[in-house]
C-alpha cells in the first residue's frame, strides 16, 4: 500500500497537508529558514514518481504516523467507493439481468437501499482497514518489490493461487461463523436483507461484517511474501469478484468455482455456499448446494422463470428464511403491487 500512498502524496496530499498544516519557518540573521528537502526513496522501482516542492512544506512529513493513518483512511474510503460505484454500475447495466427485479423476493426500493447501506458502511469499514494498511506501510508486512526479491522465481506466479486458497479457506470459516445465531442477527443479517441481490448489494454489509470478511486478505501479507504491485492488483480483483458474485449472471454450473449461481443460492437458502472463490470447503464440510439446471436455462433469464418452478422456489425461500431469521421484516415489491391491486 506504500506505492498507492506515495502516488496520492505526490499528486494530491502533499499540497493538502502543506496548506492545512504548513511547516514553520524561522528568521535568523535576516534570513528566512525553511525545511531542507530530503531525498524520498521510491516505494517501488516499477512505479517511480518525482515529488513536488510541497513534499517538504508541511509539519507532518510523509513518514509521520498520524499523517499516514489519516491519508490511508481517506484513500481506502475514496478508492473503495470509486471501485464500488464504477464496477457495480457497469455490472448493473451490462451484466445484471434486470428482469430478475420482477422476482417476488425483490424488495421495494431495493437498489436505493443497497446503495444507502453501502455508503453508510464504507467509512466505518475503512477505519480498521486503514489500520491494517498502516501496519503494512510501517514495514510489518512481508512485502517485496522487484521480482528478483521473491523467495524463488516461480513464487512470483504461485503467490496468486496461494493468496486465493488461503483467503478462501479463512473467509469460509469467518463467513460461516457470522451465521451463528448469536452473531447473525446483529452483524450479518443486514447483508442477507437482499434475497435477490443486485451488484449494488456487493458492499452492502454491516461494517463489522464487511471488515471481518476482508481480514484474511491483510493477514496473508503478514505471513507470506507478497509483491507490492501484485497486492494492489489483488485488492482490485477482490472488490471486482465481490461484485461479480452478486450480479446474478449464472455463466457456468461449475462444482469448483463459487460463481454468481452459487452465491445466489447462499442468499436464497442462507446456510449454504459460504465460500468466496471456490466450493472446496463447502463440499468438504457438507454445506454445498449445487445450482439447479434451471438457473442456467437461457429461456429462464428472459423473465423470472417458469411459474411452477418459481412458486416452488419462493416457498423454499420462505421456509429457510423463517428457520434462519424468524419473522420476515422485509417489504417486497410484490407487497406494493398487491396493495395497489386491492385499492
C-alpha atoms as a PDB file:
ATOM      1  CA  UNK A   1       0.000   0.000   0.000  1.00  0.00           C
ATOM      2  CA  UNK A   2       3.032   2.276   0.276  1.00  0.00           C
ATOM      3  CA  UNK A   3       3.039   2.551  -3.521  1.00  0.00           C
ATOM      4  CA  UNK A   4      -0.514   3.894  -3.591  1.00  0.00           C
ATOM      5  CA  UNK A   5       0.212   6.209  -0.660  1.00  0.00           C
ATOM      6  CA  UNK A   6       3.249   7.665  -2.412  1.00  0.00           C
ATOM      7  CA  UNK A   7       1.262   8.320  -5.589  1.00  0.00           C
ATOM      8  CA  UNK A   8      -1.517  10.065  -3.646  1.00  0.00           C
ATOM      9  CA  UNK A   9       1.076  12.074  -1.684  1.00  0.00           C
ATOM     10  CA  UNK A  10       2.769  13.260  -4.850  1.00  0.00           C
ATOM     11  CA  UNK A  11      -0.302  14.269  -6.814  1.00  0.00           C
ATOM     12  CA  UNK A  12      -2.652  15.450  -4.059  1.00  0.00           C
ATOM     13  CA  UNK A  13      -1.859  15.024  -0.394  1.00  0.00           C
ATOM     14  CA  UNK A  14       1.500  16.839  -0.175  1.00  0.00           C
ATOM     15  CA  UNK A  15      -0.214  20.052  -1.220  1.00  0.00           C
ATOM     16  CA  UNK A  16      -3.192  19.420   1.076  1.00  0.00           C
ATOM     17  CA  UNK A  17      -1.002  18.948   4.158  1.00  0.00           C
ATOM     18  CA  UNK A  18       1.236  21.888   3.167  1.00  0.00           C
ATOM     19  CA  UNK A  19      -1.873  24.072   3.099  1.00  0.00           C
ATOM     20  CA  UNK A  20      -3.613  22.754   6.214  1.00  0.00           C
ATOM     21  CA  UNK A  21      -0.532  22.181   8.378  1.00  0.00           C
ATOM     22  CA  UNK A  22       2.363  24.206   6.902  1.00  0.00           C
ATOM     23  CA  UNK A  23       5.930  23.869   8.066  1.00  0.00           C
ATOM     24  CA  UNK A  24       7.165  26.612  10.378  1.00  0.00           C
ATOM     25  CA  UNK A  25       9.884  28.977   9.207  1.00  0.00           C
ATOM     26  CA  UNK A  26      12.460  30.703  11.393  1.00  0.00           C
ATOM     27  CA  UNK A  27      14.080  34.117  10.943  1.00  0.00           C
ATOM     28  CA  UNK A  28      17.820  34.010  11.693  1.00  0.00           C
ATOM     29  CA  UNK A  29      20.338  36.777  10.882  1.00  0.00           C
ATOM     30  CA  UNK A  30      17.930  38.398   8.459  1.00  0.00           C
ATOM     31  CA  UNK A  31      17.306  35.146   6.590  1.00  0.00           C
ATOM     32  CA  UNK A  32      14.130  33.031   6.488  1.00  0.00           C
ATOM     33  CA  UNK A  33      14.982  29.397   7.188  1.00  0.00           C
ATOM     34  CA  UNK A  34      12.681  26.734   5.716  1.00  0.00           C
ATOM     35  CA  UNK A  35      12.789  22.928   5.921  1.00  0.00           C
ATOM     36  CA  UNK A  36      15.634  21.441   3.911  1.00  0.00           C
ATOM     37  CA  UNK A  37      14.382  18.992   1.241  1.00  0.00           C
ATOM     38  CA  UNK A  38      15.464  15.415   1.879  1.00  0.00           C
ATOM     39  CA  UNK A  39      15.586  12.595  -0.605  1.00  0.00           C
ATOM     40  CA  UNK A  40      12.446  10.461  -0.812  1.00  0.00           C
ATOM     41  CA  UNK A  41      13.064   6.885  -1.838  1.00  0.00           C
ATOM     42  CA  UNK A  42      10.564   5.495  -4.366  1.00  0.00           C
ATOM     43  CA  UNK A  43       8.153   2.952  -2.904  1.00  0.00           C
ATOM     44  CA  UNK A  44       8.680   0.728  -5.945  1.00  0.00           C
ATOM     45  CA  UNK A  45      11.261   0.547  -8.711  1.00  0.00           C
ATOM     46  CA  UNK A  46       8.448  -0.247 -11.113  1.00  0.00           C
ATOM     47  CA  UNK A  47       6.476   2.902 -10.370  1.00  0.00           C
ATOM     48  CA  UNK A  48       8.534   5.991  -9.574  1.00  0.00           C
ATOM     49  CA  UNK A  49       7.052   9.463  -9.178  1.00  0.00           C
ATOM     50  CA  UNK A  50       9.003  12.668  -8.655  1.00  0.00           C
ATOM     51  CA  UNK A  51       7.967  14.562  -5.514  1.00  0.00           C
ATOM     52  CA  UNK A  52       6.937  18.176  -5.939  1.00  0.00           C
ATOM     53  CA  UNK A  53       8.023  21.139  -3.809  1.00  0.00           C
ATOM     54  CA  UNK A  54       5.049  20.548  -1.490  1.00  0.00           C
ATOM     55  CA  UNK A  55       6.594  17.319  -0.182  1.00  0.00           C
ATOM     56  CA  UNK A  56       8.682  19.346   2.308  1.00  0.00           C
ATOM     57  CA  UNK A  57       6.226  22.152   3.107  1.00  0.00           C
ATOM     58  CA  UNK A  58       4.208  20.560   5.930  1.00  0.00           C
ATOM     59  CA  UNK A  59       4.994  19.962   9.590  1.00  0.00           C
ATOM     60  CA  UNK A  60       3.707  16.460   9.019  1.00  0.00           C
ATOM     61  CA  UNK A  61       6.341  14.761   6.893  1.00  0.00           C
ATOM     62  CA  UNK A  62       5.387  11.838   4.710  1.00  0.00           C
ATOM     63  CA  UNK A  63       6.565   9.324   7.301  1.00  0.00           C
ATOM     64  CA  UNK A  64       4.561  10.892  10.132  1.00  0.00           C
ATOM     65  CA  UNK A  65       2.364   8.120  11.532  1.00  0.00           C
ATOM     66  CA  UNK A  66      -0.614  10.408  12.146  1.00  0.00           C
ATOM     67  CA  UNK A  67      -0.480  11.698   8.592  1.00  0.00           C
ATOM     68  CA  UNK A  68      -0.147   8.193   7.191  1.00  0.00           C
ATOM     69  CA  UNK A  69      -3.125   6.949   9.217  1.00  0.00           C
ATOM     70  CA  UNK A  70      -5.325   9.839   8.123  1.00  0.00           C
ATOM     71  CA  UNK A  71      -4.234   9.556   4.498  1.00  0.00           C
ATOM     72  CA  UNK A  72      -4.801   5.802   4.363  1.00  0.00           C
ATOM     73  CA  UNK A  73      -8.266   6.200   5.838  1.00  0.00           C
ATOM     74  CA  UNK A  74      -9.361   8.657   3.144  1.00  0.00           C
ATOM     75  CA  UNK A  75      -7.626   6.681   0.381  1.00  0.00           C
ATOM     76  CA  UNK A  76      -9.348   3.469   1.490  1.00  0.00           C
ATOM     77  CA  UNK A  77     -12.729   5.173   1.705  1.00  0.00           C
ATOM     78  CA  UNK A  78     -12.397   7.066  -1.579  1.00  0.00           C
ATOM     79  CA  UNK A  79     -10.779   4.266  -3.578  1.00  0.00           C
ATOM     80  CA  UNK A  80     -13.272   1.707  -2.251  1.00  0.00           C
ATOM     81  CA  UNK A  81     -16.214   3.940  -3.169  1.00  0.00           C
ATOM     82  CA  UNK A  82     -14.863   4.546  -6.671  1.00  0.00           C
ATOM     83  CA  UNK A  83     -14.326   0.831  -7.326  1.00  0.00           C
ATOM     84  CA  UNK A  84     -17.757   0.024  -5.913  1.00  0.00           C
ATOM     85  CA  UNK A  85     -19.726   2.568  -7.921  1.00  0.00           C
ATOM     86  CA  UNK A  86     -17.727   2.062 -11.115  1.00  0.00           C
ATOM     87  CA  UNK A  87     -17.839  -1.738 -11.291  1.00  0.00           C
ATOM     88  CA  UNK A  88     -21.287  -2.132  -9.720  1.00  0.00           C
ATOM     89  CA  UNK A  89     -22.787   0.381 -12.156  1.00  0.00           C
ATOM     90  CA  UNK A  90     -21.107  -1.245 -15.156  1.00  0.00           C
ATOM     91  CA  UNK A  91     -22.235  -4.661 -13.954  1.00  0.00           C
ATOM     92  CA  UNK A  92     -25.798  -3.435 -13.389  1.00  0.00           C
ATOM     93  CA  UNK A  93     -26.171  -2.051 -16.921  1.00  0.00           C
ATOM     94  CA  UNK A  94     -24.143  -4.567 -18.908  1.00  0.00           C
ATOM     95  CA  UNK A  95     -24.206  -7.877 -16.969  1.00  0.00           C
ATOM     96  CA  UNK A  96     -27.036  -7.982 -14.442  1.00  0.00           C
ATOM     97  CA  UNK A  97     -30.306  -9.387 -15.751  1.00  0.00           C
ATOM     98  CA  UNK A  98     -32.710  -6.611 -14.777  1.00  0.00           C
ATOM     99  CA  UNK A  99     -35.662  -8.904 -15.372  1.00  0.00           C
ATOM    100  CA  UNK A 100     -34.847 -10.517 -12.034  1.00  0.00           C
ATOM    101  CA  UNK A 101     -36.147  -7.369 -10.343  1.00  0.00           C
ATOM    102  CA  UNK A 102     -39.607  -8.817 -11.057  1.00  0.00           C
ATOM    103  CA  UNK A 103     -38.831 -11.685  -8.671  1.00  0.00           C
ATOM    104  CA  UNK A 104     -41.355 -11.903  -5.792  1.00  0.00           C
ATOM    105  CA  UNK A 105     -38.483 -11.618  -3.309  1.00  0.00           C
ATOM    106  CA  UNK A 106     -37.098  -8.390  -4.729  1.00  0.00           C
ATOM    107  CA  UNK A 107     -37.502  -5.591  -2.209  1.00  0.00           C
ATOM    108  CA  UNK A 108     -39.307  -2.312  -2.633  1.00  0.00           C
ATOM    109  CA  UNK A 109     -36.702   0.372  -3.479  1.00  0.00           C
ATOM    110  CA  UNK A 110     -34.044  -2.316  -3.155  1.00  0.00           C
ATOM    111  CA  UNK A 111     -31.277  -0.736  -5.248  1.00  0.00           C
ATOM    112  CA  UNK A 112     -31.590   2.521  -3.330  1.00  0.00           C
ATOM    113  CA  UNK A 113     -31.448   0.602  -0.044  1.00  0.00           C
ATOM    114  CA  UNK A 114     -28.401  -1.401  -1.168  1.00  0.00           C
ATOM    115  CA  UNK A 115     -26.540   1.768  -2.100  1.00  0.00           C
ATOM    116  CA  UNK A 116     -27.506   3.524   1.140  1.00  0.00           C
ATOM    117  CA  UNK A 117     -26.285   0.561   3.203  1.00  0.00           C
ATOM    118  CA  UNK A 118     -23.003   0.504   1.274  1.00  0.00           C
ATOM    119  CA  UNK A 119     -22.424   4.248   1.539  1.00  0.00           C
ATOM    120  CA  UNK A 120     -23.164   4.193   5.274  1.00  0.00           C
ATOM    121  CA  UNK A 121     -20.845   1.236   5.905  1.00  0.00           C
ATOM    122  CA  UNK A 122     -17.828   2.274   3.844  1.00  0.00           C
ATOM    123  CA  UNK A 123     -16.313   4.922   6.152  1.00  0.00           C
ATOM    124  CA  UNK A 124     -16.691   2.635   9.173  1.00  0.00           C
ATOM    125  CA  UNK A 125     -15.180  -0.336   7.311  1.00  0.00           C
ATOM    126  CA  UNK A 126     -12.334   1.949   6.217  1.00  0.00           C
ATOM    127  CA  UNK A 127     -11.179   2.629   9.797  1.00  0.00           C
ATOM    128  CA  UNK A 128      -9.907  -0.893  10.687  1.00  0.00           C
ATOM    129  CA  UNK A 129      -8.860  -1.449   7.069  1.00  0.00           C
ATOM    130  CA  UNK A 130      -6.714   1.694   7.153  1.00  0.00           C
ATOM    131  CA  UNK A 131      -5.155   0.461  10.407  1.00  0.00           C
ATOM    132  CA  UNK A 132      -4.099  -2.774   8.682  1.00  0.00           C
ATOM    133  CA  UNK A 133      -2.735  -0.762   5.754  1.00  0.00           C
ATOM    134  CA  UNK A 134      -0.822   1.413   8.233  1.00  0.00           C
ATOM    135  CA  UNK A 135       0.885  -1.630   9.724  1.00  0.00           C
ATOM    136  CA  UNK A 136       1.845  -2.690   6.202  1.00  0.00           C
ATOM    137  CA  UNK A 137       3.187   0.746   5.278  1.00  0.00           C
ATOM    138  CA  UNK A 138       5.175   0.892   8.534  1.00  0.00           C
ATOM    139  CA  UNK A 139       7.031  -2.230   7.467  1.00  0.00           C
ATOM    140  CA  UNK A 140       5.310  -5.037   9.368  1.00  0.00           C
ATOM    141  CA  UNK A 141       4.158  -6.916   6.277  1.00  0.00           C
ATOM    142  CA  UNK A 142       6.273  -9.307   4.186  1.00  0.00           C
ATOM    143  CA  UNK A 143       6.175  -7.245   1.010  1.00  0.00           C
ATOM    144  CA  UNK A 144       8.868  -7.270  -1.633  1.00  0.00           C
ATOM    145  CA  UNK A 145       9.372  -5.012  -4.615  1.00  0.00           C
ATOM    146  CA  UNK A 146      11.325  -6.431  -7.549  1.00  0.00           C
ATOM    147  CA  UNK A 147      10.650  -9.896  -8.939  1.00  0.00           C
ATOM    148  CA  UNK A 148      14.223 -10.909  -8.108  1.00  0.00           C
ATOM    149  CA  UNK A 149      13.460 -10.396  -4.396  1.00  0.00           C
ATOM    150  CA  UNK A 150      10.928 -13.274  -4.367  1.00  0.00           C
ATOM    151  CA  UNK A 151      11.849 -16.356  -2.293  1.00  0.00           C
ATOM    152  CA  UNK A 152      12.294 -18.188  -5.606  1.00  0.00           C
ATOM    153  CA  UNK A 153      11.487 -17.274  -9.210  1.00  0.00           C
ATOM    154  CA  UNK A 154       8.304 -19.344  -9.515  1.00  0.00           C
ATOM    155  CA  UNK A 155       6.893 -17.709  -6.375  1.00  0.00           C
ATOM    156  CA  UNK A 156       6.055 -14.604  -8.429  1.00  0.00           C
ATOM    157  CA  UNK A 157       3.346 -16.733 -10.052  1.00  0.00           C
ATOM    158  CA  UNK A 158       2.492 -19.005  -7.124  1.00  0.00           C
ATOM    159  CA  UNK A 159       1.667 -16.082  -4.825  1.00  0.00           C
ATOM    160  CA  UNK A 160      -1.637 -15.574  -6.681  1.00  0.00           C
ATOM    161  CA  UNK A 161      -3.170 -19.051  -6.214  1.00  0.00           C
ATOM    162  CA  UNK A 162      -1.670 -19.181  -2.708  1.00  0.00           C
ATOM    163  CA  UNK A 163      -3.414 -15.906  -1.843  1.00  0.00           C
ATOM    164  CA  UNK A 164      -6.740 -17.158  -3.236  1.00  0.00           C
ATOM    165  CA  UNK A 165      -6.567 -20.520  -1.458  1.00  0.00           C
ATOM    166  CA  UNK A 166      -5.511 -19.002   1.870  1.00  0.00           C
ATOM    167  CA  UNK A 167      -8.207 -16.312   1.869  1.00  0.00           C
ATOM    168  CA  UNK A 168     -10.873 -18.685   0.540  1.00  0.00           C
ATOM    169  CA  UNK A 169     -10.314 -21.049   3.467  1.00  0.00           C
ATOM    170  CA  UNK A 170     -10.418 -18.390   6.169  1.00  0.00           C
ATOM    171  CA  UNK A 171     -13.302 -16.463   4.628  1.00  0.00           C
ATOM    172  CA  UNK A 172     -15.303 -19.698   4.581  1.00  0.00           C
ATOM    173  CA  UNK A 173     -14.775 -20.134   8.333  1.00  0.00           C
ATOM    174  CA  UNK A 174     -15.418 -16.468   9.127  1.00  0.00           C
ATOM    175  CA  UNK A 175     -18.489 -16.337   6.895  1.00  0.00           C
ATOM    176  CA  UNK A 176     -19.899 -19.487   8.424  1.00  0.00           C
ATOM    177  CA  UNK A 177     -19.193 -18.108  11.896  1.00  0.00           C
ATOM    178  CA  UNK A 178     -21.118 -14.950  11.005  1.00  0.00           C
ATOM    179  CA  UNK A 179     -24.166 -17.187  10.514  1.00  0.00           C
ATOM    180  CA  UNK A 180     -24.086 -18.314  14.136  1.00  0.00           C
ATOM    181  CA  UNK A 181     -27.416 -17.215  15.675  1.00  0.00           C
ATOM    182  CA  UNK A 182     -25.686 -15.059  18.308  1.00  0.00           C
ATOM    183  CA  UNK A 183     -23.768 -13.143  15.615  1.00  0.00           C
ATOM    184  CA  UNK A 184     -26.016 -13.285  12.574  1.00  0.00           C
ATOM    185  CA  UNK A 185     -28.848 -11.068  13.837  1.00  0.00           C
ATOM    186  CA  UNK A 186     -26.654  -8.107  14.760  1.00  0.00           C
ATOM    187  CA  UNK A 187     -23.929  -8.239  12.134  1.00  0.00           C
ATOM    188  CA  UNK A 188     -24.568 -10.445   9.090  1.00  0.00           C
ATOM    189  CA  UNK A 189     -28.326 -10.111   8.711  1.00  0.00           C
ATOM    190  CA  UNK A 190     -28.117  -6.677   7.012  1.00  0.00           C
ATOM    191  CA  UNK A 191     -26.348  -8.299   4.053  1.00  0.00           C
ATOM    192  CA  UNK A 192     -28.955 -11.059   3.841  1.00  0.00           C
ATOM    193  CA  UNK A 193     -31.695  -8.497   3.569  1.00  0.00           C
ATOM    194  CA  UNK A 194     -31.147  -8.880  -0.168  1.00  0.00           C
ATOM    195  CA  UNK A 195     -32.564 -12.312  -1.049  1.00  0.00           C
ATOM    196  CA  UNK A 196     -32.319 -11.439  -4.749  1.00  0.00           C
ATOM    197  CA  UNK A 197     -29.183  -9.254  -4.759  1.00  0.00           C
ATOM    198  CA  UNK A 198     -28.014  -6.834  -7.421  1.00  0.00           C
ATOM    199  CA  UNK A 199     -24.384  -5.770  -7.993  1.00  0.00           C
ATOM    200  CA  UNK A 200     -25.021  -2.850  -5.620  1.00  0.00           C
ATOM    201  CA  UNK A 201     -25.527  -5.370  -2.778  1.00  0.00           C
ATOM    202  CA  UNK A 202     -21.881  -6.445  -3.050  1.00  0.00           C
ATOM    203  CA  UNK A 203     -20.700  -3.954  -0.410  1.00  0.00           C
ATOM    204  CA  UNK A 204     -23.991  -3.572   1.481  1.00  0.00           C
ATOM    205  CA  UNK A 205     -22.681  -5.018   4.758  1.00  0.00           C
ATOM    206  CA  UNK A 206     -22.656  -4.119   8.395  1.00  0.00           C
ATOM    207  CA  UNK A 207     -19.156  -2.565   8.875  1.00  0.00           C
ATOM    208  CA  UNK A 208     -18.015  -5.326  11.245  1.00  0.00           C
ATOM    209  CA  UNK A 209     -19.207  -7.988   8.800  1.00  0.00           C
ATOM    210  CA  UNK A 210     -17.513  -6.312   5.845  1.00  0.00           C
ATOM    211  CA  UNK A 211     -14.170  -5.929   7.614  1.00  0.00           C
ATOM    212  CA  UNK A 212     -14.133  -9.443   9.066  1.00  0.00           C
ATOM    213  CA  UNK A 213     -14.632 -10.976   5.634  1.00  0.00           C
ATOM    214  CA  UNK A 214     -11.707  -8.909   4.323  1.00  0.00           C
ATOM    215  CA  UNK A 215      -9.446  -9.624   7.300  1.00  0.00           C
ATOM    216  CA  UNK A 216      -7.733 -12.690   5.720  1.00  0.00           C
ATOM    217  CA  UNK A 217      -6.570 -10.501   2.812  1.00  0.00           C
ATOM    218  CA  UNK A 218      -4.491  -8.435   5.218  1.00  0.00           C
ATOM    219  CA  UNK A 219      -3.317 -11.344   7.348  1.00  0.00           C
ATOM    220  CA  UNK A 220      -1.880 -13.076   4.279  1.00  0.00           C
ATOM    221  CA  UNK A 221       0.716 -10.330   3.814  1.00  0.00           C
ATOM    222  CA  UNK A 222       1.963 -10.766   7.386  1.00  0.00           C
ATOM    223  CA  UNK A 223       2.564 -14.482   6.890  1.00  0.00           C
ATOM    224  CA  UNK A 224       3.567 -14.905   3.243  1.00  0.00           C
ATOM    225  CA  UNK A 225       5.722 -12.744   0.968  1.00  0.00           C
ATOM    226  CA  UNK A 226       3.690 -10.653  -1.467  1.00  0.00           C
ATOM    227  CA  UNK A 227       4.875  -8.427  -4.288  1.00  0.00           C
ATOM    228  CA  UNK A 228       3.738  -4.823  -3.778  1.00  0.00           C
ATOM    229  CA  UNK A 229       2.023  -4.230  -7.124  1.00  0.00           C
ATOM    230  CA  UNK A 230       0.513  -7.732  -7.021  1.00  0.00           C
ATOM    231  CA  UNK A 231      -1.092  -6.732  -3.718  1.00  0.00           C
ATOM    232  CA  UNK A 232      -2.703  -3.679  -5.314  1.00  0.00           C
ATOM    233  CA  UNK A 233      -3.948  -5.805  -8.233  1.00  0.00           C
ATOM    234  CA  UNK A 234      -5.387  -8.400  -5.834  1.00  0.00           C
ATOM    235  CA  UNK A 235      -7.147  -5.677  -3.843  1.00  0.00           C
ATOM    236  CA  UNK A 236      -8.916  -4.514  -7.016  1.00  0.00           C
ATOM    237  CA  UNK A 237      -9.658  -8.116  -8.023  1.00  0.00           C
ATOM    238  CA  UNK A 238     -11.213  -8.908  -4.642  1.00  0.00           C
ATOM    239  CA  UNK A 239     -13.604  -5.964  -4.980  1.00  0.00           C
ATOM    240  CA  UNK A 240     -14.402  -6.921  -8.570  1.00  0.00           C
ATOM    241  CA  UNK A 241     -15.071 -10.550  -7.584  1.00  0.00           C
ATOM    242  CA  UNK A 242     -17.347  -9.482  -4.742  1.00  0.00           C
ATOM    243  CA  UNK A 243     -19.431  -7.524  -7.236  1.00  0.00           C
ATOM    244  CA  UNK A 244     -19.413 -10.319  -9.827  1.00  0.00           C
ATOM    245  CA  UNK A 245     -20.886 -12.948  -7.480  1.00  0.00           C
ATOM    246  CA  UNK A 246     -23.819 -10.610  -6.809  1.00  0.00           C
ATOM    247  CA  UNK A 247     -24.602  -9.845 -10.461  1.00  0.00           C
ATOM    248  CA  UNK A 248     -26.946 -12.820 -10.965  1.00  0.00           C
ATOM    249  CA  UNK A 249     -25.274 -13.784 -14.248  1.00  0.00           C
ATOM    250  CA  UNK A 250     -25.046 -17.572 -13.984  1.00  0.00           C
ATOM    251  CA  UNK A 251     -22.408 -18.324 -16.594  1.00  0.00           C
ATOM    252  CA  UNK A 252     -21.269 -21.842 -15.776  1.00  0.00           C
ATOM    253  CA  UNK A 253     -22.503 -24.575 -13.465  1.00  0.00           C
ATOM    254  CA  UNK A 254     -19.079 -25.351 -12.033  1.00  0.00           C
ATOM    255  CA  UNK A 255     -18.757 -27.575  -8.978  1.00  0.00           C
ATOM    256  CA  UNK A 256     -15.436 -25.883  -8.115  1.00  0.00           C
ATOM    257  CA  UNK A 257     -15.845 -22.159  -8.805  1.00  0.00           C
ATOM    258  CA  UNK A 258     -18.108 -20.284  -6.421  1.00  0.00           C
ATOM    259  CA  UNK A 259     -19.693 -18.053  -9.043  1.00  0.00           C
ATOM    260  CA  UNK A 260     -22.825 -15.939  -9.050  1.00  0.00           C
ATOM    261  CA  UNK A 261     -25.103 -19.005  -9.202  1.00  0.00           C
ATOM    262  CA  UNK A 262     -23.624 -20.485  -6.016  1.00  0.00           C
ATOM    263  CA  UNK A 263     -23.791 -17.166  -4.224  1.00  0.00           C
ATOM    264  CA  UNK A 264     -27.363 -16.617  -5.373  1.00  0.00           C
ATOM    265  CA  UNK A 265     -28.215 -19.856  -3.582  1.00  0.00           C
ATOM    266  CA  UNK A 266     -26.454 -18.547  -0.474  1.00  0.00           C
ATOM    267  CA  UNK A 267     -28.748 -15.510  -0.420  1.00  0.00           C
ATOM    268  CA  UNK A 268     -31.809 -17.637  -1.068  1.00  0.00           C
ATOM    269  CA  UNK A 269     -31.022 -20.569   1.229  1.00  0.00           C
ATOM    270  CA  UNK A 270     -28.936 -18.761   3.898  1.00  0.00           C
ATOM    271  CA  UNK A 271     -26.906 -21.686   5.267  1.00  0.00           C
ATOM    272  CA  UNK A 272     -25.236 -22.994   2.117  1.00  0.00           C
ATOM    273  CA  UNK A 273     -22.311 -21.979  -0.117  1.00  0.00           C
ATOM    274  CA  UNK A 274     -20.239 -19.877   2.284  1.00  0.00           C
ATOM    275  CA  UNK A 275     -17.155 -19.940   0.046  1.00  0.00           C
ATOM    276  CA  UNK A 276     -15.691 -16.884  -1.643  1.00  0.00           C
ATOM    277  CA  UNK A 277     -13.886 -18.204  -4.729  1.00  0.00           C
ATOM    278  CA  UNK A 278     -14.336 -21.954  -4.624  1.00  0.00           C
ATOM    279  CA  UNK A 279     -16.741 -24.588  -3.356  1.00  0.00           C
ATOM    280  CA  UNK A 280     -13.925 -26.708  -1.913  1.00  0.00           C
ATOM    281  CA  UNK A 281     -14.662 -26.030   1.750  1.00  0.00           C
ATOM    282  CA  UNK A 282     -18.424 -26.124   1.303  1.00  0.00           C
ATOM    283  CA  UNK A 283     -18.118 -29.575  -0.194  1.00  0.00           C
ATOM    284  CA  UNK A 284     -15.604 -30.653   2.470  1.00  0.00           C
ATOM    285  CA  UNK A 285     -17.876 -29.584   5.361  1.00  0.00           C
ATOM    286  CA  UNK A 286     -21.173 -30.523   3.729  1.00  0.00           C
ATOM    287  CA  UNK A 287     -22.587 -27.033   3.174  1.00  0.00           C
ATOM    288  CA  UNK A 288     -22.512 -27.117  -0.625  1.00  0.00           C
ATOM    289  CA  UNK A 289     -25.731 -26.754  -2.587  1.00  0.00           C
ATOM    290  CA  UNK A 290     -25.307 -27.166  -6.331  1.00  0.00           C
ATOM    291  CA  UNK A 291     -27.264 -24.746  -8.537  1.00  0.00           C
ATOM    292  CA  UNK A 292     -30.118 -26.327 -10.465  1.00  0.00           C
ATOM    293  CA  UNK A 293     -30.039 -26.575 -14.244  1.00  0.00           C
ATOM    294  CA  UNK A 294     -32.995 -24.161 -14.432  1.00  0.00           C
ATOM    295  CA  UNK A 295     -30.711 -21.362 -13.236  1.00  0.00           C
ATOM    296  CA  UNK A 296     -28.670 -21.702 -16.432  1.00  0.00           C
ATOM    297  CA  UNK A 297     -31.558 -22.030 -18.881  1.00  0.00           C
ATOM    298  CA  UNK A 298     -31.407 -19.051 -21.300  1.00  0.00           C
ATOM    299  CA  UNK A 299     -35.200 -19.058 -21.536  1.00  0.00           C
ATOM    300  CA  UNK A 300     -35.451 -18.643 -17.777  1.00  0.00           C
ATOM    301  CA  UNK A 301     -33.325 -15.493 -17.921  1.00  0.00           C
ATOM    302  CA  UNK A 302     -35.874 -13.674 -20.044  1.00  0.00           C
ATOM    303  CA  UNK A 303     -38.131 -13.382 -17.028  1.00  0.00           C
ATOM    304  CA  UNK A 304     -38.292 -14.683 -13.513  1.00  0.00           C
ATOM    305  CA  UNK A 305     -38.860 -18.175 -14.827  1.00  0.00           C
ATOM    306  CA  UNK A 306     -41.489 -20.869 -15.087  1.00  0.00           C
ATOM    307  CA  UNK A 307     -44.402 -20.130 -12.725  1.00  0.00           C
ATOM    308  CA  UNK A 308     -44.404 -23.622 -11.193  1.00  0.00           C
ATOM    309  CA  UNK A 309     -40.639 -23.633 -10.626  1.00  0.00           C
ATOM    310  CA  UNK A 310     -40.787 -20.086  -9.253  1.00  0.00           C
ATOM    311  CA  UNK A 311     -43.601 -20.888  -6.808  1.00  0.00           C
ATOM    312  CA  UNK A 312     -41.658 -23.888  -5.509  1.00  0.00           C
ATOM    313  CA  UNK A 313     -38.523 -21.782  -5.161  1.00  0.00           C
ATOM    314  CA  UNK A 314     -40.319 -18.991  -3.277  1.00  0.00           C
ATOM    315  CA  UNK A 315     -41.928 -21.498  -0.903  1.00  0.00           C
ATOM    316  CA  UNK A 316     -38.497 -22.958  -0.135  1.00  0.00           C
ATOM    317  CA  UNK A 317     -37.046 -19.479   0.426  1.00  0.00           C
ATOM    318  CA  UNK A 318     -39.876 -18.663   2.842  1.00  0.00           C
ATOM    319  CA  UNK A 319     -39.260 -21.848   4.806  1.00  0.00           C
ATOM    320  CA  UNK A 320     -35.500 -21.332   5.059  1.00  0.00           C
ATOM    321  CA  UNK A 321     -35.858 -17.636   5.870  1.00  0.00           C
ATOM    322  CA  UNK A 322     -38.188 -18.484   8.763  1.00  0.00           C
ATOM    323  CA  UNK A 323     -35.684 -21.053  10.077  1.00  0.00           C
ATOM    324  CA  UNK A 324     -32.742 -18.642   9.861  1.00  0.00           C
ATOM    325  CA  UNK A 325     -34.401 -15.402  10.968  1.00  0.00           C
ATOM    326  CA  UNK A 326     -37.891 -15.963  12.298  1.00  0.00           C
ATOM    327  CA  UNK A 327     -40.295 -13.167  11.367  1.00  0.00           C
ATOM    328  CA  UNK A 328     -39.682 -11.590   7.968  1.00  0.00           C
ATOM    329  CA  UNK A 329     -39.468  -7.802   8.263  1.00  0.00           C
ATOM    330  CA  UNK A 330     -38.702  -7.165   4.603  1.00  0.00           C
ATOM    331  CA  UNK A 331     -41.019  -5.148   2.358  1.00  0.00           C
ATOM    332  CA  UNK A 332     -41.141  -6.781  -1.047  1.00  0.00           C
ATOM    333  CA  UNK A 333     -42.004  -5.088  -4.306  1.00  0.00           C
ATOM    334  CA  UNK A 334     -44.858  -7.587  -4.747  1.00  0.00           C
ATOM    335  CA  UNK A 335     -46.366  -6.328  -1.490  1.00  0.00           C
ATOM    336  CA  UNK A 336     -46.690  -2.897  -3.019  1.00  0.00           C
ATOM    337  CA  UNK A 337     -48.198  -4.388  -6.184  1.00  0.00           C
ATOM    338  CA  UNK A 338     -50.797  -6.324  -4.188  1.00  0.00           C
ATOM    339  CA  UNK A 339     -51.766  -3.230  -2.218  1.00  0.00           C
ATOM    340  CA  UNK A 340     -52.176  -1.309  -5.461  1.00  0.00           C
ATOM    341  CA  UNK A 341     -54.356  -4.069  -6.942  1.00  0.00           C
ATOM    342  CA  UNK A 342     -56.622  -4.172  -3.908  1.00  0.00           C
ATOM    343  CA  UNK A 343     -57.328  -0.437  -3.952  1.00  0.00           C
END
